[in-house]
PDB file of N, CA and C in Angstrom:
ATOM      1  N   UNK A   1     -40.345  41.603  83.849  1.00  0.00           N
ATOM      2  CA  UNK A   1     -39.764  41.855  84.987  1.00  0.00           C
ATOM      3  C   UNK A   1     -39.427  42.918  85.502  1.00  0.00           C
ATOM      4  N   UNK A   2     -39.020  43.972  84.747  1.00  0.00           N
ATOM      5  CA  UNK A   2     -38.973  45.432  85.318  1.00  0.00           C
ATOM      6  C   UNK A   2     -40.183  46.048  85.817  1.00  0.00           C
ATOM      7  N   UNK A   3     -41.333  45.465  85.383  1.00  0.00           N
ATOM      8  CA  UNK A   3     -42.538  46.335  85.899  1.00  0.00           C
ATOM      9  C   UNK A   3     -42.762  45.513  86.929  1.00  0.00           C
ATOM     10  N   UNK A   4     -42.662  44.223  87.298  1.00  0.00           N
ATOM     11  CA  UNK A   4     -43.115  43.516  88.183  1.00  0.00           C
ATOM     12  C   UNK A   4     -42.225  43.886  89.553  1.00  0.00           C
ATOM     13  N   UNK A   5     -41.042  44.290  89.282  1.00  0.00           N
ATOM     14  CA  UNK A   5     -40.077  44.769  90.381  1.00  0.00           C
ATOM     15  C   UNK A   5     -40.000  46.116  90.785  1.00  0.00           C
ATOM     16  N   UNK A   6     -40.837  47.085  89.689  1.00  0.00           N
ATOM     17  CA  UNK A   6     -41.336  48.432  90.056  1.00  0.00           C
ATOM     18  C   UNK A   6     -40.048  49.067  89.514  1.00  0.00           C
ATOM     19  N   UNK A   7     -39.227  48.875  88.755  1.00  0.00           N
ATOM     20  CA  UNK A   7     -38.225  49.598  88.352  1.00  0.00           C
ATOM     21  C   UNK A   7     -38.272  50.379  87.075  1.00  0.00           C
ATOM     22  N   UNK A   8     -39.582  49.938  86.650  1.00  0.00           N
ATOM     23  CA  UNK A   8     -40.161  51.189  85.219  1.00  0.00           C
ATOM     24  C   UNK A   8     -41.707  51.039  85.673  1.00  0.00           C
ATOM     25  N   UNK A   9     -42.091  52.214  85.275  1.00  0.00           N
ATOM     26  CA  UNK A   9     -43.379  52.764  85.416  1.00  0.00           C
ATOM     27  C   UNK A   9     -43.986  53.275  84.033  1.00  0.00           C
ATOM     28  N   UNK A  10     -45.271  53.242  83.680  1.00  0.00           N
ATOM     29  CA  UNK A  10     -45.487  53.649  82.756  1.00  0.00           C
ATOM     30  C   UNK A  10     -46.139  55.185  82.789  1.00  0.00           C
ATOM     31  N   UNK A  11     -45.667  56.235  81.850  1.00  0.00           N
ATOM     32  CA  UNK A  11     -46.217  57.722  82.055  1.00  0.00           C
ATOM     33  C   UNK A  11     -46.468  57.933  80.617  1.00  0.00           C
ATOM     34  N   UNK A  12     -47.913  58.000  80.524  1.00  0.00           N
ATOM     35  CA  UNK A  12     -48.356  58.478  79.129  1.00  0.00           C
ATOM     36  C   UNK A  12     -47.943  57.532  78.295  1.00  0.00           C
ATOM     37  N   UNK A  13     -47.373  57.874  77.392  1.00  0.00           N
ATOM     38  CA  UNK A  13     -47.243  56.736  76.137  1.00  0.00           C
ATOM     39  C   UNK A  13     -45.809  56.028  76.116  1.00  0.00           C
ATOM     40  N   UNK A  14     -45.453  56.393  77.219  1.00  0.00           N
ATOM     41  CA  UNK A  14     -43.821  55.574  77.475  1.00  0.00           C
ATOM     42  C   UNK A  14     -43.730  55.080  78.730  1.00  0.00           C
ATOM     43  N   UNK A  15     -42.559  54.483  78.932  1.00  0.00           N
ATOM     44  CA  UNK A  15     -41.947  53.692  79.896  1.00  0.00           C
ATOM     45  C   UNK A  15     -40.820  54.692  80.685  1.00  0.00           C
ATOM     46  N   UNK A  16     -41.100  55.002  81.944  1.00  0.00           N
ATOM     47  CA  UNK A  16     -39.621  55.676  82.626  1.00  0.00           C
ATOM     48  C   UNK A  16     -39.400  54.783  83.806  1.00  0.00           C
ATOM     49  N   UNK A  17     -37.810  55.062  83.961  1.00  0.00           N
ATOM     50  CA  UNK A  17     -37.168  54.186  85.094  1.00  0.00           C
ATOM     51  C   UNK A  17     -37.521  54.896  86.348  1.00  0.00           C
ATOM     52  N   UNK A  18     -37.809  54.108  87.510  1.00  0.00           N
ATOM     53  CA  UNK A  18     -38.013  54.703  88.728  1.00  0.00           C
ATOM     54  C   UNK A  18     -36.695  54.377  89.492  1.00  0.00           C
ATOM     55  N   UNK A  19     -36.702  55.099  90.622  1.00  0.00           N
ATOM     56  CA  UNK A  19     -35.594  55.323  91.683  1.00  0.00           C
ATOM     57  C   UNK A  19     -35.114  53.698  91.958  1.00  0.00           C
ATOM     58  N   UNK A  20     -35.971  52.670  91.987  1.00  0.00           N
ATOM     59  CA  UNK A  20     -35.756  51.384  91.817  1.00  0.00           C
ATOM     60  C   UNK A  20     -35.007  50.349  91.120  1.00  0.00           C
ATOM     61  N   UNK A  21     -34.843  51.253  89.982  1.00  0.00           N
ATOM     62  CA  UNK A  21     -34.476  50.569  88.919  1.00  0.00           C
ATOM     63  C   UNK A  21     -32.652  50.432  89.311  1.00  0.00           C
ATOM     64  N   UNK A  22     -32.102  51.343  90.016  1.00  0.00           N
ATOM     65  CA  UNK A  22     -30.682  50.974  90.074  1.00  0.00           C
ATOM     66  C   UNK A  22     -30.210  49.710  90.862  1.00  0.00           C
ATOM     67  N   UNK A  23     -30.943  49.343  91.534  1.00  0.00           N
ATOM     68  CA  UNK A  23     -30.942  47.996  92.231  1.00  0.00           C
ATOM     69  C   UNK A  23     -31.078  46.738  91.617  1.00  0.00           C
ATOM     70  N   UNK A  24     -31.991  46.848  90.523  1.00  0.00           N
ATOM     71  CA  UNK A  24     -32.237  45.602  89.448  1.00  0.00           C
ATOM     72  C   UNK A  24     -31.324  44.912  88.928  1.00  0.00           C
ATOM     73  N   UNK A  25     -30.922  43.422  88.982  1.00  0.00           N
ATOM     74  CA  UNK A  25     -30.269  42.634  88.442  1.00  0.00           C
ATOM     75  C   UNK A  25     -30.772  41.974  87.492  1.00  0.00           C
ATOM     76  N   UNK A  26     -30.292  42.180  86.152  1.00  0.00           N
ATOM     77  CA  UNK A  26     -31.137  41.603  84.904  1.00  0.00           C
ATOM     78  C   UNK A  26     -30.196  40.187  84.827  1.00  0.00           C
ATOM     79  N   UNK A  27     -30.566  39.333  84.490  1.00  0.00           N
ATOM     80  CA  UNK A  27     -30.056  37.985  84.359  1.00  0.00           C
ATOM     81  C   UNK A  27     -29.790  38.003  82.583  1.00  0.00           C
ATOM     82  N   UNK A  28     -28.193  37.343  82.662  1.00  0.00           N
ATOM     83  CA  UNK A  28     -27.339  37.575  81.252  1.00  0.00           C
ATOM     84  C   UNK A  28     -28.126  36.752  80.104  1.00  0.00           C
ATOM     85  N   UNK A  29     -29.124  35.704  80.567  1.00  0.00           N
ATOM     86  CA  UNK A  29     -29.516  35.035  79.411  1.00  0.00           C
ATOM     87  C   UNK A  29     -31.416  34.736  79.320  1.00  0.00           C
ATOM     88  N   UNK A  30     -31.712  34.416  78.479  1.00  0.00           N
ATOM     89  CA  UNK A  30     -33.231  34.337  78.787  1.00  0.00           C
ATOM     90  C   UNK A  30     -33.639  32.774  79.527  1.00  0.00           C
ATOM     91  N   UNK A  31     -32.594  31.910  79.428  1.00  0.00           N
ATOM     92  CA  UNK A  31     -32.883  31.066  80.451  1.00  0.00           C
ATOM     93  C   UNK A  31     -32.743  31.474  81.837  1.00  0.00           C
ATOM     94  N   UNK A  32     -32.222  32.074  82.112  1.00  0.00           N
ATOM     95  CA  UNK A  32     -31.764  32.792  83.539  1.00  0.00           C
ATOM     96  C   UNK A  32     -33.204  33.503  83.662  1.00  0.00           C
ATOM     97  N   UNK A  33     -33.669  34.384  83.041  1.00  0.00           N
ATOM     98  CA  UNK A  33     -34.948  34.969  83.303  1.00  0.00           C
ATOM     99  C   UNK A  33     -35.865  34.143  83.417  1.00  0.00           C
ATOM    100  N   UNK A  34     -36.169  33.188  82.356  1.00  0.00           N
ATOM    101  CA  UNK A  34     -37.385  32.312  82.636  1.00  0.00           C
ATOM    102  C   UNK A  34     -37.104  31.579  83.842  1.00  0.00           C
ATOM    103  N   UNK A  35     -35.946  31.244  84.590  1.00  0.00           N
ATOM    104  CA  UNK A  35     -35.770  30.186  85.544  1.00  0.00           C
ATOM    105  C   UNK A  35     -36.051  31.125  86.942  1.00  0.00           C
ATOM    106  N   UNK A  36     -35.689  32.416  86.827  1.00  0.00           N
ATOM    107  CA  UNK A  36     -35.863  33.442  88.031  1.00  0.00           C
ATOM    108  C   UNK A  36     -37.406  33.533  88.012  1.00  0.00           C
ATOM    109  N   UNK A  37     -38.521  33.776  86.839  1.00  0.00           N
ATOM    110  CA  UNK A  37     -39.875  33.582  86.754  1.00  0.00           C
ATOM    111  C   UNK A  37     -40.369  32.539  87.638  1.00  0.00           C
ATOM    112  N   UNK A  38     -39.697  31.535  87.088  1.00  0.00           N
ATOM    113  CA  UNK A  38     -40.402  30.151  87.454  1.00  0.00           C
ATOM    114  C   UNK A  38     -40.262  30.109  89.053  1.00  0.00           C
ATOM    115  N   UNK A  39     -39.326  30.396  89.486  1.00  0.00           N
ATOM    116  CA  UNK A  39     -38.660  30.186  91.026  1.00  0.00           C
ATOM    117  C   UNK A  39     -39.894  30.926  91.642  1.00  0.00           C
ATOM    118  N   UNK A  40     -40.395  32.130  91.124  1.00  0.00           N
ATOM    119  CA  UNK A  40     -41.349  32.982  92.009  1.00  0.00           C
ATOM    120  C   UNK A  40     -42.774  32.379  91.741  1.00  0.00           C
ATOM    121  N   UNK A  41     -42.911  31.452  91.023  1.00  0.00           N
ATOM    122  CA  UNK A  41     -44.533  30.893  91.071  1.00  0.00           C
ATOM    123  C   UNK A  41     -44.799  30.220  92.229  1.00  0.00           C
ATOM    124  N   UNK A  42     -46.086  30.065  92.344  1.00  0.00           N
ATOM    125  CA  UNK A  42     -46.360  29.401  93.551  1.00  0.00           C
ATOM    126  C   UNK A  42     -45.810  27.787  93.654  1.00  0.00           C
ATOM    127  N   UNK A  43     -45.748  27.069  94.593  1.00  0.00           N
ATOM    128  CA  UNK A  43     -45.371  25.730  94.726  1.00  0.00           C
ATOM    129  C   UNK A  43     -46.121  25.136  93.726  1.00  0.00           C
ATOM    130  N   UNK A  44     -47.083  24.688  93.842  1.00  0.00           N
ATOM    131  CA  UNK A  44     -48.162  23.896  92.942  1.00  0.00           C
ATOM    132  C   UNK A  44     -48.134  24.211  91.582  1.00  0.00           C
ATOM    133  N   UNK A  45     -47.882  25.185  91.198  1.00  0.00           N
ATOM    134  CA  UNK A  45     -47.681  25.890  89.880  1.00  0.00           C
ATOM    135  C   UNK A  45     -46.153  25.296  89.296  1.00  0.00           C
ATOM    136  N   UNK A  46     -44.940  25.423  90.126  1.00  0.00           N
ATOM    137  CA  UNK A  46     -43.858  24.975  90.046  1.00  0.00           C
ATOM    138  C   UNK A  46     -43.950  23.324  89.889  1.00  0.00           C
ATOM    139  N   UNK A  47     -44.594  22.401  90.309  1.00  0.00           N
ATOM    140  CA  UNK A  47     -44.989  21.286  90.153  1.00  0.00           C
ATOM    141  C   UNK A  47     -45.186  20.809  89.296  1.00  0.00           C
ATOM    142  N   UNK A  48     -46.345  21.453  88.700  1.00  0.00           N
ATOM    143  CA  UNK A  48     -47.009  20.944  87.547  1.00  0.00           C
ATOM    144  C   UNK A  48     -46.245  21.342  86.384  1.00  0.00           C
ATOM    145  N   UNK A  49     -45.321  22.324  86.395  1.00  0.00           N
ATOM    146  CA  UNK A  49     -44.166  22.606  85.445  1.00  0.00           C
ATOM    147  C   UNK A  49     -43.520  21.466  85.305  1.00  0.00           C
ATOM    148  N   UNK A  50     -42.717  20.988  86.449  1.00  0.00           N
ATOM    149  CA  UNK A  50     -41.582  19.895  86.547  1.00  0.00           C
ATOM    150  C   UNK A  50     -42.503  18.799  85.947  1.00  0.00           C
ATOM    151  N   UNK A  51     -43.637  18.462  86.193  1.00  0.00           N
ATOM    152  CA  UNK A  51     -44.352  17.148  85.827  1.00  0.00           C
ATOM    153  C   UNK A  51     -44.544  17.386  84.209  1.00  0.00           C
ATOM    154  N   UNK A  52     -45.057  18.481  83.820  1.00  0.00           N
ATOM    155  CA  UNK A  52     -44.890  18.489  82.359  1.00  0.00           C
ATOM    156  C   UNK A  52     -44.080  18.571  81.672  1.00  0.00           C
ATOM    157  N   UNK A  53     -42.651  18.719  82.090  1.00  0.00           N
ATOM    158  CA  UNK A  53     -41.456  18.927  81.493  1.00  0.00           C
ATOM    159  C   UNK A  53     -41.007  17.390  81.236  1.00  0.00           C
ATOM    160  N   UNK A  54     -41.245  16.465  82.505  1.00  0.00           N
ATOM    161  CA  UNK A  54     -41.035  15.249  82.285  1.00  0.00           C
ATOM    162  C   UNK A  54     -41.476  14.343  81.156  1.00  0.00           C
ATOM    163  N   UNK A  55     -43.074  14.925  80.790  1.00  0.00           N
ATOM    164  CA  UNK A  55     -43.809  14.278  80.110  1.00  0.00           C
ATOM    165  C   UNK A  55     -43.248  14.512  78.657  1.00  0.00           C
ATOM    166  N   UNK A  56     -42.837  15.746  78.264  1.00  0.00           N
ATOM    167  CA  UNK A  56     -42.426  15.845  76.946  1.00  0.00           C
ATOM    168  C   UNK A  56     -42.976  17.293  76.252  1.00  0.00           C
ATOM    169  N   UNK A  57     -42.584  17.624  74.953  1.00  0.00           N
ATOM    170  CA  UNK A  57     -43.512  18.642  74.514  1.00  0.00           C
ATOM    171  C   UNK A  57     -44.698  18.541  74.226  1.00  0.00           C
ATOM    172  N   UNK A  58     -45.290  17.380  73.773  1.00  0.00           N
ATOM    173  CA  UNK A  58     -46.743  17.533  73.509  1.00  0.00           C
ATOM    174  C   UNK A  58     -47.353  16.085  74.337  1.00  0.00           C
ATOM    175  N   UNK A  59     -48.640  16.427  74.919  1.00  0.00           N
ATOM    176  CA  UNK A  59     -49.142  15.520  75.584  1.00  0.00           C
ATOM    177  C   UNK A  59     -50.592  16.014  76.158  1.00  0.00           C
ATOM    178  N   UNK A  60     -51.464  15.169  76.526  1.00  0.00           N
ATOM    179  CA  UNK A  60     -52.821  15.189  76.780  1.00  0.00           C
ATOM    180  C   UNK A  60     -53.001  15.859  77.918  1.00  0.00           C
ATOM    181  N   UNK A  61     -54.044  16.526  78.089  1.00  0.00           N
ATOM    182  CA  UNK A  61     -54.090  17.187  79.302  1.00  0.00           C
ATOM    183  C   UNK A  61     -54.643  15.973  80.339  1.00  0.00           C
ATOM    184  N   UNK A  62     -55.015  15.090  79.864  1.00  0.00           N
ATOM    185  CA  UNK A  62     -55.630  13.944  80.858  1.00  0.00           C
ATOM    186  C   UNK A  62     -54.253  13.274  81.582  1.00  0.00           C
ATOM    187  N   UNK A  63     -53.523  13.164  80.669  1.00  0.00           N
ATOM    188  CA  UNK A  63     -52.155  12.392  81.514  1.00  0.00           C
ATOM    189  C   UNK A  63     -51.507  13.438  82.618  1.00  0.00           C
ATOM    190  N   UNK A  64     -51.363  14.777  82.179  1.00  0.00           N
ATOM    191  CA  UNK A  64     -51.142  15.566  83.151  1.00  0.00           C
ATOM    192  C   UNK A  64     -51.675  15.502  84.446  1.00  0.00           C
ATOM    193  N   UNK A  65     -53.209  15.800  84.578  1.00  0.00           N
ATOM    194  CA  UNK A  65     -53.994  15.781  85.507  1.00  0.00           C
ATOM    195  C   UNK A  65     -53.958  14.422  86.312  1.00  0.00           C
ATOM    196  N   UNK A  66     -53.664  13.181  85.645  1.00  0.00           N
ATOM    197  CA  UNK A  66     -53.516  11.929  86.437  1.00  0.00           C
ATOM    198  C   UNK A  66     -52.305  11.998  87.041  1.00  0.00           C
ATOM    199  N   UNK A  67     -51.122  12.459  86.424  1.00  0.00           N
ATOM    200  CA  UNK A  67     -49.764  12.447  86.934  1.00  0.00           C
ATOM    201  C   UNK A  67     -49.727  13.520  88.048  1.00  0.00           C
ATOM    202  N   UNK A  68     -50.582  14.290  87.968  1.00  0.00           N
ATOM    203  CA  UNK A  68     -50.820  15.516  89.461  1.00  0.00           C
ATOM    204  C   UNK A  68     -51.472  14.907  90.645  1.00  0.00           C
ATOM    205  N   UNK A  69     -52.109  14.265  90.366  1.00  0.00           N
ATOM    206  CA  UNK A  69     -53.210  13.523  91.215  1.00  0.00           C
ATOM    207  C   UNK A  69     -52.386  12.451  92.231  1.00  0.00           C
ATOM    208  N   UNK A  70     -51.270  12.097  91.351  1.00  0.00           N
ATOM    209  CA  UNK A  70     -50.401  11.001  92.188  1.00  0.00           C
ATOM    210  C   UNK A  70     -49.734  11.680  93.266  1.00  0.00           C
ATOM    211  N   UNK A  71     -49.910  10.681  94.539  1.00  0.00           N
ATOM    212  CA  UNK A  71     -49.150  11.364  95.989  1.00  0.00           C
ATOM    213  C   UNK A  71     -47.867  11.938  95.508  1.00  0.00           C
ATOM    214  N   UNK A  72     -47.339  12.506  96.100  1.00  0.00           N
ATOM    215  CA  UNK A  72     -45.503  12.833  96.321  1.00  0.00           C
ATOM    216  C   UNK A  72     -45.216  12.762  97.589  1.00  0.00           C
ATOM    217  N   UNK A  73     -43.946  12.415  97.511  1.00  0.00           N
ATOM    218  CA  UNK A  73     -43.145  11.956  98.936  1.00  0.00           C
ATOM    219  C   UNK A  73     -42.934  13.281  99.479  1.00  0.00           C
TER     220      UNK A  73
END
């Protein structure tokens, strides 16, 4: 997240904060961080995650593909 936002950059063998680091808000929880990252995904990727989350923890790729082919309202 810090790299993506340009808050830190690599200099040699270490990471250093940039001027942009002062304005970065860091989520309080891992769940918050994950939700923020998911919100930044393209629309179709977010839809795929939603459908997969409804199916469950383990599923075949075929079922996911078929559900994604179903028309949306």
